[in-house]
Each structure stands twice: as C-alpha cells, then as structure tokens.
Amino acid sequence: MNVDPAPTKIAIRPATPDDAAAIAAIYRPYVERGTVSFELKAPTEHVMRQRMASSEGKYPWLVAMAAADGEVLGYAYASAFRDRPAYRYTIETTVYLLEGTAGRGNGRQLYDALIDTVRAQGFTHAIGVIALPNDHSIRLHESVGFKRTGVLREVGYKDGRWIDVGFWQCELNDATMPPMEPKPFSETGMVWDW
C-alpha cells in the first residue's frame, strides 16, 4: 500500500470490536519485525477482540482514522500498570501507527486524546514502557508530557539480542489524600481537549 507523505486529516473515536482486524494488522509488523514489541507471535483479530473486551469498560481504546476514507491509521489504549489493587490509580499507555504514517502528527493527536481521556477519568499517572533504543517513541512520549524515570537493563530477549526497557511517567492528576477512584471509560467516554 502506498502511503501519501502529506499530512493526513484524521478523526479519533473510541474503538469498537469491529476495529479488531485493523488493530491487529497495524500491530503485526511491530511484533514480526523488530523489538518495539516483546511479543513473539502477532495476535489474531480474535485475540485482539479479547484484549479489547478485557478492559471491561474501565480503560479506553481509541482509533485514529483517515477522515477521507475511514481507514484506521493507528490506535492507542490504556491498561492496568500492575495487577495489585494499590496500583489502580496508575495506568500504562500504548500507541501504534500504521506503517509509513509516523512523523505526520497522527501519533501525537492520538496520544493527546488518550491522555485527555485518562486524565478526565481521574487516573493519577500514566506509564510508558519503551524498548530501547527508540528515539521516535521517546520524542512522542515526551511531547505529551512524559518524563524519563528509569531503565531496566537487558530485561527482554528478542531477535538474538538483549534489549533494555525504559520507563517514562506522566502526571495526570494530583495524588490526593484520600485518592479518588478513577471513573470507568464507559462512564466518561472519550475526552479530547482540542
């Protein structure tokens, strides 16, 4: 597929189960070629649907679409940072773009929409986990307010080499005492402060 190098006008909306095939197709090259993802086998459409459903309305999944034809150009989602209850105020965030569309501002707009949404839900911090090196992802995270907080050395092994993982953190809301319980995405919906 030829991708026009000019900026693409996009629309962002909550993802639906019908987007699972497009999301799986966008993610597949990240798994199969390179070390951006630590998965070794690309998830199928069915597996991606299950992952989306497992958020149970608590965490957002968003898609960016080409305004002209509705093609899904990228997706972003939030998930639990860790399983233990004390971590429930912190989320992990992820953004993936269709191959050949990076550098046009689509990732930034998609990430802005995700950050605005999880901030409105009441989460206190977002964590970005980046396989290193990955200058593009670092720039994207830092452009939306993430700050580098640490590196775990040689914790992933893929493609015949050990890979470092960096952690970036974004403060979303004040850590109040007592903390307010985050609202589910099903209650707040997508929020995007254009």
Protein backbone atom coordinates (compact mmCIF):
# COMPACT_ATOMS: atom_id res chain seq x y z
CA MET A 1 0.00 0.00 0.00
CA ASN A 2 1.35 3.42 -0.91
CA VAL A 3 1.01 5.96 1.85
CA ASP A 4 0.87 9.62 0.86
CA PRO A 5 3.69 11.52 2.61
CA ALA A 6 1.47 14.59 3.10
CA PRO A 7 -0.23 15.07 6.47
CA THR A 8 -3.44 13.09 6.74
CA LYS A 9 -6.52 14.69 8.22
CA ILE A 10 -7.72 12.31 10.90
CA ALA A 11 -10.68 11.67 13.13
CA ILE A 12 -10.32 9.98 16.52
CA ARG A 13 -13.02 7.88 18.15
CA PRO A 14 -13.43 5.07 20.67
CA ALA A 15 -12.50 1.70 19.18
CA THR A 16 -15.18 -0.94 18.71
CA PRO A 17 -14.86 -4.73 18.33
CA ASP A 18 -15.21 -4.17 14.57
CA ASP A 19 -11.82 -2.43 14.64
CA ALA A 20 -10.03 -5.52 15.94
CA ALA A 21 -8.90 -6.70 12.48
CA ALA A 22 -7.42 -3.31 11.59
CA ILE A 23 -5.77 -3.01 15.01
CA ALA A 24 -4.25 -6.49 14.69
CA ALA A 25 -2.97 -5.63 11.19
CA ILE A 26 -1.35 -2.40 12.44
CA TYR A 27 0.31 -4.22 15.34
CA ARG A 28 1.54 -7.26 13.36
CA PRO A 29 4.68 -5.63 11.83
CA TYR A 30 5.77 -4.37 15.25
CA VAL A 31 5.75 -7.96 16.50
CA GLU A 32 7.19 -9.62 13.41
CA ARG A 33 9.90 -7.09 12.54
CA GLY A 34 11.93 -5.54 15.27
CA THR A 35 11.91 -5.21 19.02
CA VAL A 36 9.32 -2.49 19.66
CA SER A 37 7.00 -5.24 20.93
CA PHE A 38 8.24 -8.11 23.06
CA GLU A 39 5.56 -10.45 21.74
CA LEU A 40 6.95 -13.21 19.54
CA LYS A 41 3.74 -14.10 17.71
CA ALA A 42 1.36 -11.47 16.37
CA PRO A 43 -2.11 -11.69 17.93
CA THR A 44 -5.01 -12.54 15.65
CA GLU A 45 -8.15 -10.45 15.23
CA HIS A 46 -9.87 -12.77 17.73
CA VAL A 47 -7.13 -12.27 20.34
CA MET A 48 -7.23 -8.51 19.82
CA ARG A 49 -11.01 -8.54 20.37
CA GLN A 50 -10.44 -10.42 23.63
CA ARG A 51 -7.85 -7.87 24.75
CA MET A 52 -10.23 -5.01 23.99
CA ALA A 53 -13.06 -6.76 25.84
CA SER A 54 -10.83 -7.47 28.85
CA SER A 55 -10.77 -3.75 29.62
CA GLU A 56 -14.40 -4.27 30.72
CA GLY A 57 -15.26 -0.64 30.04
CA LYS A 58 -12.65 0.62 32.51
CA TYR A 59 -9.80 1.52 30.16
CA PRO A 60 -10.05 3.37 26.83
CA TRP A 61 -9.17 2.01 23.40
CA LEU A 62 -9.10 4.71 20.70
CA VAL A 63 -8.54 4.64 16.94
CA ALA A 64 -7.36 7.34 14.54
CA MET A 65 -8.98 7.16 11.13
CA ALA A 66 -8.28 8.93 7.86
CA ALA A 67 -11.06 11.50 7.60
CA ALA A 68 -11.30 10.95 3.83
CA ASP A 69 -11.97 7.20 3.76
CA GLY A 70 -12.22 5.92 7.35
CA GLU A 71 -9.07 3.77 7.15
CA VAL A 72 -7.73 3.05 10.64
CA LEU A 73 -4.27 4.67 10.81
CA GLY A 74 -3.43 3.95 14.42
CA TYR A 75 -4.70 3.01 17.84
CA ALA A 76 -3.98 3.84 21.44
CA TYR A 77 -5.12 2.27 24.67
CA ALA A 78 -4.64 2.28 28.41
CA SER A 79 -4.35 -0.76 30.63
CA ALA A 80 -3.62 -1.58 34.25
CA PHE A 81 0.00 -0.83 35.14
CA ARG A 82 0.13 -3.74 37.59
CA ASP A 83 -2.45 -6.18 38.93
CA ARG A 84 -2.18 -5.33 42.63
CA PRO A 85 -5.04 -3.10 43.92
CA ALA A 86 -2.70 -0.38 45.21
CA TYR A 87 -1.69 0.35 41.59
CA ARG A 88 -5.27 1.02 40.41
CA TYR A 89 -4.68 4.79 40.10
CA THR A 90 -1.83 4.30 37.61
CA ILE A 91 -2.16 3.09 34.03
CA GLU A 92 0.15 2.00 31.24
CA THR A 93 -0.40 3.60 27.84
CA THR A 94 0.37 2.40 24.33
CA VAL A 95 0.18 3.88 20.83
CA TYR A 96 0.81 2.16 17.48
CA LEU A 97 0.59 3.65 14.00
CA LEU A 98 0.11 2.09 10.58
CA GLU A 99 3.47 1.53 8.92
CA GLY A 100 4.56 4.53 6.89
CA THR A 101 2.40 7.07 8.74
CA ALA A 102 4.80 8.13 11.51
CA GLY A 103 6.01 11.70 11.60
CA ARG A 104 2.76 13.34 10.47
CA GLY A 105 1.35 14.25 13.85
CA ASN A 106 -1.17 11.39 13.92
CA GLY A 107 0.53 9.72 16.88
CA ARG A 108 0.64 12.98 18.80
CA GLN A 109 -3.07 13.68 18.22
CA LEU A 110 -3.98 10.12 19.17
CA TYR A 111 -1.82 10.23 22.30
CA ASP A 112 -3.24 13.65 23.26
CA ALA A 113 -6.76 12.20 23.03
CA LEU A 114 -5.77 9.22 25.18
CA ILE A 115 -4.05 11.39 27.81
CA ASP A 116 -7.01 13.82 27.96
CA THR A 117 -9.36 10.87 28.40
CA VAL A 118 -7.46 9.08 31.19
CA ARG A 119 -6.90 12.42 32.93
CA ALA A 120 -10.69 13.01 32.90
CA GLN A 121 -11.19 9.51 34.28
CA GLY A 122 -9.14 10.51 37.33
CA PHE A 123 -6.04 8.34 36.98
CA THR A 124 -3.00 9.89 38.68
CA HIS A 125 -0.12 8.69 36.47
CA ALA A 126 0.47 7.12 33.08
CA ILE A 127 3.49 4.93 32.43
CA GLY A 128 5.04 4.48 29.01
CA VAL A 129 7.27 1.44 28.56
CA ILE A 130 9.69 1.72 25.63
CA ALA A 131 12.06 -0.90 24.24
CA LEU A 132 15.36 0.88 23.67
CA PRO A 133 16.64 2.39 21.52
CA ASN A 134 13.53 4.04 20.06
CA ASP A 135 14.04 7.76 19.53
CA HIS A 136 10.72 8.21 17.74
CA SER A 137 8.71 6.76 20.64
CA ILE A 138 10.74 8.74 23.19
CA ARG A 139 10.03 12.00 21.31
CA LEU A 140 6.33 11.14 21.08
CA HIS A 141 6.05 10.37 24.80
CA GLU A 142 7.96 13.47 25.84
CA SER A 143 5.88 15.66 23.51
CA VAL A 144 2.75 14.79 25.51
CA GLY A 145 4.31 15.31 28.94
CA PHE A 146 6.10 12.08 29.85
CA LYS A 147 9.45 12.24 31.66
CA ARG A 148 12.08 9.51 31.74
CA THR A 149 12.12 7.77 35.12
CA GLY A 150 14.43 4.81 34.63
CA VAL A 151 15.86 2.00 32.55
CA LEU A 152 15.88 -1.74 33.17
CA ARG A 153 18.96 -3.20 31.51
CA GLU A 154 18.76 -6.31 29.31
CA VAL A 155 15.35 -7.47 30.52
CA GLY A 156 14.00 -8.60 27.14
CA TYR A 157 15.49 -11.06 24.68
CA LYS A 158 14.29 -10.99 21.07
CA ASP A 159 15.84 -11.26 17.63
CA GLY A 160 19.05 -12.68 19.07
CA ARG A 161 19.84 -9.82 21.42
CA TRP A 162 19.16 -8.43 24.87
CA ILE A 163 17.03 -5.30 25.00
CA ASP A 164 16.85 -2.51 27.57
CA VAL A 165 13.45 -1.13 28.57
CA GLY A 166 12.90 2.48 29.53
CA PHE A 167 10.11 3.82 31.71
CA TRP A 168 8.52 7.22 31.13
CA GLN A 169 5.95 8.69 33.51
CA CYS A 170 3.30 11.37 33.01
CA GLU A 171 1.49 13.00 35.91
CA LEU A 172 -2.19 13.14 35.02
CA ASN A 173 -3.78 14.37 38.26
CA ASP A 174 -2.66 15.22 41.77
CA ALA A 175 -2.25 12.25 44.08
CA THR A 176 -4.86 13.40 46.62
CA MET A 177 -5.45 12.03 50.10
CA PRO A 178 -7.56 10.01 50.14
CA PRO A 179 -7.36 9.19 46.42
CA MET A 180 -10.46 9.41 44.26
CA GLU A 181 -11.40 6.21 42.48
CA PRO A 182 -10.90 6.55 38.71
CA LYS A 183 -14.10 6.58 36.66
CA PRO A 184 -14.57 3.85 34.06
CA PHE A 185 -14.18 4.79 30.40
CA SER A 186 -17.73 3.57 29.86
CA GLU A 187 -18.83 6.48 32.08
CA THR A 188 -16.59 9.31 30.82
CA GLY A 189 -16.27 8.39 27.15
CA MET A 190 -13.55 9.90 25.02
CA VAL A 191 -12.35 13.36 26.04
CA TRP A 192 -10.16 15.37 23.74
CA ASP A 193 -9.26 18.93 24.60
CA TRP A 194 -8.52 20.14 21.07
